[in-house]
Amino acid sequence: MFRHTLTVRFRDMDAFGHVNNAVYLTYLEEARVAFMQANDMRSLNRPERSTILAHAEIDYRAPAHLGDVLNIDLVVSKVGNSSYEFTYVVKREDDGALIAQAKSVQVCYNFTLSRVIRVPAEWREALVKFSA
């Protein structure tokens, strides 16, 4: 399991005083990027070896509010030939309340050739370490 922690910002709020549902996609992206940086998947920004987000789903369980500290726990739930899936659990740090559960599928992609590629071997190594 990989943990990413963040604090809810004012700009994340909606008119109802809680985090807007669309902002959770940004939170998941922040957790994904932090995971990749922490696991030497830094070549992510190279056009010939990158990823695209193919699928995302989120189940909202409780609201988060300004100043809440959220822990996003990320697990690699599947590694395929050209894609991998992350499962996320978002909890409020102070009381452990379950805020959201989510999944995302990333596809390895070569932007220079405009085609899907296999998961690079060194990425696969890092991903397998965090497999469920």
N, C-alpha and C. Protein backbone atom coordinates (compact mmCIF):
# COMPACT_ATOMS: atom_id res chain seq x y z
N MET A 1 0.84 -1.18 0.00
CA MET A 1 0.00 0.00 0.00
C MET A 1 0.88 1.24 0.00
N PHE A 2 0.49 2.23 -0.79
CA PHE A 2 1.17 3.51 -0.84
C PHE A 2 0.20 4.56 -0.29
N ARG A 3 0.68 5.43 0.57
CA ARG A 3 -0.18 6.47 1.15
C ARG A 3 0.26 7.85 0.68
N HIS A 4 -0.74 8.63 0.24
CA HIS A 4 -0.53 10.03 -0.11
C HIS A 4 -1.46 10.85 0.79
N THR A 5 -0.93 11.88 1.42
CA THR A 5 -1.72 12.71 2.33
C THR A 5 -1.83 14.11 1.76
N LEU A 6 -3.02 14.68 1.87
CA LEU A 6 -3.23 16.06 1.42
C LEU A 6 -4.21 16.76 2.34
N THR A 7 -4.21 18.08 2.29
CA THR A 7 -5.13 18.89 3.07
C THR A 7 -6.12 19.56 2.12
N VAL A 8 -7.40 19.49 2.44
CA VAL A 8 -8.44 20.10 1.61
C VAL A 8 -8.23 21.61 1.56
N ARG A 9 -8.19 22.14 0.35
CA ARG A 9 -7.95 23.57 0.11
C ARG A 9 -9.28 24.31 -0.12
N PHE A 10 -9.25 25.61 0.06
CA PHE A 10 -10.44 26.43 -0.16
C PHE A 10 -10.96 26.27 -1.59
N ARG A 11 -10.06 26.21 -2.55
CA ARG A 11 -10.48 26.11 -3.96
C ARG A 11 -11.16 24.79 -4.29
N ASP A 12 -11.04 23.79 -3.39
CA ASP A 12 -11.66 22.48 -3.61
C ASP A 12 -13.15 22.46 -3.25
N MET A 13 -13.59 23.50 -2.56
CA MET A 13 -14.95 23.53 -2.01
C MET A 13 -15.98 23.93 -3.06
N ASP A 14 -17.21 23.50 -2.85
CA ASP A 14 -18.31 23.95 -3.69
C ASP A 14 -19.26 24.83 -2.87
N ALA A 15 -20.35 25.22 -3.46
CA ALA A 15 -21.29 26.14 -2.80
C ALA A 15 -21.95 25.53 -1.56
N PHE A 16 -21.87 24.22 -1.41
CA PHE A 16 -22.49 23.55 -0.27
C PHE A 16 -21.52 23.34 0.89
N GLY A 17 -20.29 23.84 0.74
CA GLY A 17 -19.33 23.79 1.84
C GLY A 17 -18.57 22.49 1.99
N HIS A 18 -18.63 21.64 0.97
CA HIS A 18 -17.82 20.42 1.01
C HIS A 18 -17.05 20.28 -0.30
N VAL A 19 -16.13 19.33 -0.34
CA VAL A 19 -15.31 19.13 -1.54
C VAL A 19 -16.22 18.74 -2.70
N ASN A 20 -16.06 19.44 -3.82
CA ASN A 20 -16.83 19.16 -5.01
C ASN A 20 -16.46 17.78 -5.55
N ASN A 21 -17.45 17.06 -6.05
CA ASN A 21 -17.20 15.69 -6.51
C ASN A 21 -16.11 15.60 -7.58
N ALA A 22 -16.01 16.55 -8.48
CA ALA A 22 -15.01 16.51 -9.54
C ALA A 22 -13.59 16.65 -9.01
N VAL A 23 -13.43 17.27 -7.87
CA VAL A 23 -12.10 17.49 -7.29
C VAL A 23 -11.45 16.17 -6.89
N TYR A 24 -12.25 15.17 -6.58
CA TYR A 24 -11.68 13.88 -6.18
C TYR A 24 -10.83 13.27 -7.30
N LEU A 25 -11.18 13.53 -8.55
CA LEU A 25 -10.33 13.05 -9.65
C LEU A 25 -8.94 13.67 -9.58
N THR A 26 -8.88 14.94 -9.19
CA THR A 26 -7.58 15.59 -9.00
C THR A 26 -6.83 14.98 -7.83
N TYR A 27 -7.53 14.69 -6.75
CA TYR A 27 -6.89 14.05 -5.60
C TYR A 27 -6.28 12.70 -6.00
N LEU A 28 -7.03 11.92 -6.79
CA LEU A 28 -6.53 10.62 -7.23
C LEU A 28 -5.32 10.79 -8.14
N GLU A 29 -5.37 11.80 -9.00
CA GLU A 29 -4.23 12.08 -9.88
C GLU A 29 -3.00 12.44 -9.06
N GLU A 30 -3.17 13.26 -8.03
CA GLU A 30 -2.05 13.62 -7.16
C GLU A 30 -1.45 12.38 -6.51
N ALA A 31 -2.30 11.47 -6.07
CA ALA A 31 -1.82 10.22 -5.45
C ALA A 31 -1.08 9.36 -6.47
N ARG A 32 -1.62 9.26 -7.69
CA ARG A 32 -0.97 8.47 -8.75
C ARG A 32 0.41 9.01 -9.07
N VAL A 33 0.49 10.33 -9.26
CA VAL A 33 1.77 10.95 -9.61
C VAL A 33 2.77 10.79 -8.47
N ALA A 34 2.33 10.97 -7.23
CA ALA A 34 3.22 10.78 -6.08
C ALA A 34 3.73 9.34 -6.03
N PHE A 35 2.84 8.38 -6.29
CA PHE A 35 3.25 6.97 -6.34
C PHE A 35 4.31 6.76 -7.40
N MET A 36 4.08 7.28 -8.59
CA MET A 36 5.01 7.07 -9.70
C MET A 36 6.36 7.72 -9.42
N GLN A 37 6.34 8.91 -8.85
CA GLN A 37 7.60 9.58 -8.52
C GLN A 37 8.35 8.84 -7.43
N ALA A 38 7.65 8.32 -6.45
CA ALA A 38 8.28 7.61 -5.34
C ALA A 38 8.83 6.24 -5.76
N ASN A 39 8.38 5.74 -6.90
CA ASN A 39 8.77 4.40 -7.34
C ASN A 39 9.53 4.40 -8.66
N ASP A 40 10.26 5.48 -8.90
CA ASP A 40 11.13 5.60 -10.08
C ASP A 40 10.41 5.36 -11.41
N MET A 41 9.17 5.77 -11.48
CA MET A 41 8.44 5.72 -12.75
C MET A 41 8.45 7.13 -13.34
N ARG A 42 9.57 7.83 -13.18
CA ARG A 42 9.67 9.24 -13.56
C ARG A 42 9.67 9.47 -15.06
N SER A 43 9.92 8.45 -15.84
CA SER A 43 9.92 8.63 -17.29
C SER A 43 8.50 8.86 -17.81
N LEU A 44 7.58 8.97 -16.89
CA LEU A 44 6.17 9.17 -17.21
C LEU A 44 5.94 10.35 -18.16
N ASN A 45 6.79 11.37 -18.08
CA ASN A 45 6.56 12.56 -18.90
C ASN A 45 7.27 12.49 -20.25
N ARG A 46 7.86 11.35 -20.59
CA ARG A 46 8.48 11.17 -21.91
C ARG A 46 7.39 10.78 -22.90
N PRO A 47 7.32 11.45 -24.05
CA PRO A 47 6.23 11.15 -24.98
C PRO A 47 6.23 9.72 -25.51
N GLU A 48 7.39 9.08 -25.57
CA GLU A 48 7.44 7.71 -26.09
C GLU A 48 7.10 6.66 -25.04
N ARG A 49 6.97 7.09 -23.79
CA ARG A 49 6.68 6.14 -22.71
C ARG A 49 5.91 6.85 -21.62
N SER A 50 4.61 6.86 -21.77
CA SER A 50 3.76 7.59 -20.83
C SER A 50 2.52 6.75 -20.53
N THR A 51 1.54 7.38 -19.91
CA THR A 51 0.27 6.70 -19.65
C THR A 51 -0.89 7.63 -19.97
N ILE A 52 -2.01 7.03 -20.23
CA ILE A 52 -3.26 7.77 -20.35
C ILE A 52 -4.26 7.14 -19.38
N LEU A 53 -5.12 7.97 -18.84
CA LEU A 53 -6.17 7.49 -17.96
C LEU A 53 -7.31 6.96 -18.83
N ALA A 54 -7.59 5.68 -18.72
CA ALA A 54 -8.61 5.06 -19.56
C ALA A 54 -9.96 4.95 -18.87
N HIS A 55 -9.93 4.86 -17.53
CA HIS A 55 -11.18 4.65 -16.80
C HIS A 55 -11.01 5.14 -15.37
N ALA A 56 -12.06 5.74 -14.84
CA ALA A 56 -12.06 6.15 -13.43
C ALA A 56 -13.47 5.97 -12.88
N GLU A 57 -13.54 5.48 -11.66
CA GLU A 57 -14.84 5.37 -10.97
C GLU A 57 -14.64 5.73 -9.51
N ILE A 58 -15.63 6.43 -8.96
CA ILE A 58 -15.55 6.88 -7.57
C ILE A 58 -16.89 6.64 -6.89
N ASP A 59 -16.83 6.07 -5.70
CA ASP A 59 -18.00 5.97 -4.83
C ASP A 59 -17.78 6.93 -3.68
N TYR A 60 -18.70 7.89 -3.55
CA TYR A 60 -18.59 8.90 -2.49
C TYR A 60 -19.32 8.39 -1.25
N ARG A 61 -18.65 8.41 -0.11
CA ARG A 61 -19.22 7.85 1.11
C ARG A 61 -19.57 8.89 2.16
N ALA A 62 -18.76 9.97 2.24
CA ALA A 62 -19.00 11.03 3.24
C ALA A 62 -18.35 12.30 2.73
N PRO A 63 -18.85 13.47 3.14
CA PRO A 63 -18.24 14.72 2.67
C PRO A 63 -16.92 15.03 3.38
N ALA A 64 -16.06 15.72 2.66
CA ALA A 64 -14.83 16.27 3.24
C ALA A 64 -14.96 17.79 3.21
N HIS A 65 -14.32 18.45 4.17
CA HIS A 65 -14.48 19.90 4.33
C HIS A 65 -13.14 20.60 4.38
N LEU A 66 -13.19 21.91 4.27
CA LEU A 66 -12.00 22.75 4.30
C LEU A 66 -11.13 22.41 5.50
N GLY A 67 -9.84 22.19 5.24
CA GLY A 67 -8.89 21.90 6.30
C GLY A 67 -8.77 20.44 6.69
N ASP A 68 -9.70 19.60 6.23
CA ASP A 68 -9.58 18.17 6.53
C ASP A 68 -8.28 17.63 5.94
N VAL A 69 -7.61 16.79 6.69
CA VAL A 69 -6.44 16.08 6.18
C VAL A 69 -6.93 14.72 5.71
N LEU A 70 -6.66 14.42 4.45
CA LEU A 70 -7.13 13.17 3.86
C LEU A 70 -5.95 12.25 3.54
N ASN A 71 -6.09 10.99 3.90
CA ASN A 71 -5.12 9.97 3.53
C ASN A 71 -5.69 9.19 2.36
N ILE A 72 -4.93 9.13 1.29
CA ILE A 72 -5.34 8.36 0.12
C ILE A 72 -4.43 7.14 0.04
N ASP A 73 -5.00 5.98 0.31
CA ASP A 73 -4.25 4.74 0.24
C ASP A 73 -4.45 4.13 -1.14
N LEU A 74 -3.35 3.84 -1.80
CA LEU A 74 -3.36 3.33 -3.17
C LEU A 74 -2.76 1.93 -3.19
N VAL A 75 -3.46 1.03 -3.86
CA VAL A 75 -2.98 -0.34 -4.05
C VAL A 75 -3.07 -0.65 -5.54
N VAL A 76 -2.10 -1.37 -6.05
CA VAL A 76 -2.15 -1.83 -7.44
C VAL A 76 -3.00 -3.09 -7.45
N SER A 77 -4.18 -3.00 -8.06
CA SER A 77 -5.11 -4.13 -8.02
C SER A 77 -4.99 -5.06 -9.22
N LYS A 78 -4.34 -4.59 -10.29
CA LYS A 78 -4.18 -5.44 -11.47
C LYS A 78 -3.06 -4.87 -12.34
N VAL A 79 -2.23 -5.75 -12.89
CA VAL A 79 -1.22 -5.36 -13.88
C VAL A 79 -1.42 -6.25 -15.09
N GLY A 80 -1.72 -5.63 -16.23
CA GLY A 80 -1.90 -6.38 -17.46
C GLY A 80 -0.71 -6.22 -18.39
N ASN A 81 -0.91 -6.53 -19.66
CA ASN A 81 0.17 -6.39 -20.64
C ASN A 81 0.47 -4.94 -20.96
N SER A 82 -0.57 -4.13 -21.08
CA SER A 82 -0.37 -2.73 -21.46
C SER A 82 -1.08 -1.76 -20.51
N SER A 83 -1.67 -2.27 -19.46
CA SER A 83 -2.41 -1.41 -18.53
C SER A 83 -2.24 -1.89 -17.10
N TYR A 84 -2.63 -1.03 -16.18
CA TYR A 84 -2.63 -1.39 -14.76
C TYR A 84 -3.74 -0.63 -14.07
N GLU A 85 -4.23 -1.21 -12.97
CA GLU A 85 -5.37 -0.64 -12.24
C GLU A 85 -4.94 -0.30 -10.82
N PHE A 86 -5.35 0.88 -10.38
CA PHE A 86 -5.15 1.30 -9.00
C PHE A 86 -6.49 1.28 -8.29
N THR A 87 -6.49 0.87 -7.03
CA THR A 87 -7.65 0.98 -6.15
C THR A 87 -7.27 1.94 -5.04
N TYR A 88 -8.19 2.85 -4.72
CA TYR A 88 -7.92 3.89 -3.74
C TYR A 88 -8.96 3.85 -2.61
N VAL A 89 -8.51 4.17 -1.41
CA VAL A 89 -9.41 4.39 -0.28
C VAL A 89 -9.02 5.75 0.30
N VAL A 90 -10.01 6.65 0.38
CA VAL A 90 -9.77 7.99 0.91
C VAL A 90 -10.44 8.09 2.28
N LYS A 91 -9.62 8.39 3.30
CA LYS A 91 -10.15 8.52 4.67
C LYS A 91 -9.69 9.83 5.29
N ARG A 92 -10.56 10.37 6.14
CA ARG A 92 -10.19 11.56 6.91
C ARG A 92 -9.24 11.12 8.01
N GLU A 93 -8.14 11.85 8.18
CA GLU A 93 -7.12 11.43 9.13
C GLU A 93 -7.57 11.49 10.58
N ASP A 94 -8.28 12.55 10.97
CA ASP A 94 -8.57 12.73 12.41
C ASP A 94 -9.55 11.72 12.99
N ASP A 95 -10.50 11.24 12.20
CA ASP A 95 -11.47 10.29 12.75
C ASP A 95 -11.56 8.98 11.97
N GLY A 96 -10.77 8.86 10.90
CA GLY A 96 -10.77 7.63 10.11
C GLY A 96 -12.00 7.43 9.24
N ALA A 97 -12.84 8.46 9.12
CA ALA A 97 -14.07 8.33 8.33
C ALA A 97 -13.74 8.02 6.87
N LEU A 98 -14.49 7.06 6.31
CA LEU A 98 -14.34 6.71 4.91
C LEU A 98 -15.01 7.80 4.07
N ILE A 99 -14.23 8.47 3.25
CA ILE A 99 -14.73 9.57 2.42
C ILE A 99 -15.09 9.07 1.02
N ALA A 100 -14.22 8.26 0.44
CA ALA A 100 -14.46 7.77 -0.92
C ALA A 100 -13.65 6.51 -1.19
N GLN A 101 -14.14 5.74 -2.15
CA GLN A 101 -13.42 4.59 -2.68
C GLN A 101 -13.40 4.75 -4.19
N ALA A 102 -12.29 4.36 -4.82
CA ALA A 102 -12.17 4.61 -6.25
C ALA A 102 -11.28 3.59 -6.93
N LYS A 103 -11.38 3.55 -8.26
CA LYS A 103 -10.50 2.75 -9.10
C LYS A 103 -10.14 3.58 -10.32
N SER A 104 -8.95 3.31 -10.85
CA SER A 104 -8.57 3.92 -12.12
C SER A 104 -7.74 2.93 -12.92
N VAL A 105 -7.89 2.99 -14.23
CA VAL A 105 -7.11 2.16 -15.14
C VAL A 105 -6.25 3.09 -15.98
N GLN A 106 -4.95 2.81 -15.97
CA GLN A 106 -4.00 3.56 -16.76
C GLN A 106 -3.49 2.65 -17.88
N VAL A 107 -3.39 3.20 -19.08
CA VAL A 107 -2.89 2.46 -20.23
C VAL A 107 -1.55 3.07 -20.64
N CYS A 108 -0.56 2.23 -20.84
CA CYS A 108 0.76 2.71 -21.27
C CYS A 108 0.66 3.11 -22.74
N TYR A 109 1.24 4.27 -23.05
CA TYR A 109 1.00 4.86 -24.37
C TYR A 109 2.24 5.56 -24.89
N ASN A 110 2.47 5.42 -26.20
CA ASN A 110 3.54 6.13 -26.89
C ASN A 110 2.90 7.26 -27.68
N PHE A 111 3.08 8.50 -27.21
CA PHE A 111 2.47 9.65 -27.87
C PHE A 111 3.16 9.98 -29.19
N THR A 112 4.42 9.60 -29.35
CA THR A 112 5.14 9.85 -30.60
C THR A 112 4.55 9.00 -31.71
N LEU A 113 4.25 7.74 -31.41
CA LEU A 113 3.69 6.82 -32.40
C LEU A 113 2.17 6.73 -32.34
N SER A 114 1.56 7.37 -31.34
CA SER A 114 0.11 7.33 -31.14
C SER A 114 -0.41 5.90 -31.03
N ARG A 115 0.23 5.13 -30.13
CA ARG A 115 -0.24 3.75 -29.95
C ARG A 115 0.04 3.26 -28.53
N VAL A 116 -0.74 2.26 -28.15
CA VAL A 116 -0.59 1.60 -26.85
C VAL A 116 0.71 0.80 -26.87
N ILE A 117 1.40 0.77 -25.72
CA ILE A 117 2.63 -0.01 -25.58
C ILE A 117 2.51 -0.94 -24.37
N ARG A 118 3.44 -1.86 -24.25
CA ARG A 118 3.47 -2.77 -23.10
C ARG A 118 3.94 -2.01 -21.86
N VAL A 119 3.53 -2.49 -20.70
CA VAL A 119 4.01 -1.92 -19.44
C VAL A 119 5.53 -2.14 -19.39
N PRO A 120 6.32 -1.05 -19.28
CA PRO A 120 7.77 -1.22 -19.21
C PRO A 120 8.18 -2.12 -18.04
N ALA A 121 9.22 -2.91 -18.23
CA ALA A 121 9.65 -3.90 -17.23
C ALA A 121 9.92 -3.27 -15.87
N GLU A 122 10.60 -2.13 -15.84
CA GLU A 122 10.90 -1.51 -14.54
C GLU A 122 9.65 -0.94 -13.88
N TRP A 123 8.66 -0.53 -14.66
CA TRP A 123 7.39 -0.09 -14.09
C TRP A 123 6.68 -1.30 -13.49
N ARG A 124 6.68 -2.40 -14.23
CA ARG A 124 6.01 -3.62 -13.76
C ARG A 124 6.58 -4.04 -12.41
N GLU A 125 7.91 -3.95 -12.27
CA GLU A 125 8.56 -4.28 -10.99
C GLU A 125 8.00 -3.44 -9.85
N ALA A 126 7.93 -2.13 -10.08
CA ALA A 126 7.41 -1.22 -9.05
C ALA A 126 5.94 -1.50 -8.77
N LEU A 127 5.16 -1.76 -9.80
CA LEU A 127 3.73 -2.01 -9.63
C LEU A 127 3.47 -3.29 -8.84
N VAL A 128 4.22 -4.33 -9.13
CA VAL A 128 4.03 -5.61 -8.46
C VAL A 128 4.31 -5.50 -6.96
N LYS A 129 5.24 -4.64 -6.57
CA LYS A 129 5.55 -4.45 -5.15
C LYS A 129 4.35 -3.96 -4.35
N PHE A 130 3.46 -3.22 -5.02
CA PHE A 130 2.30 -2.65 -4.34
C PHE A 130 1.00 -3.35 -4.73
N SER A 131 1.11 -4.56 -5.26
CA SER A 131 -0.08 -5.32 -5.66
C SER A 131 -0.83 -5.84 -4.44
N ALA A 132 -2.13 -5.90 -4.60
CA ALA A 132 -3.00 -6.39 -3.51
C ALA A 132 -2.86 -7.88 -3.34
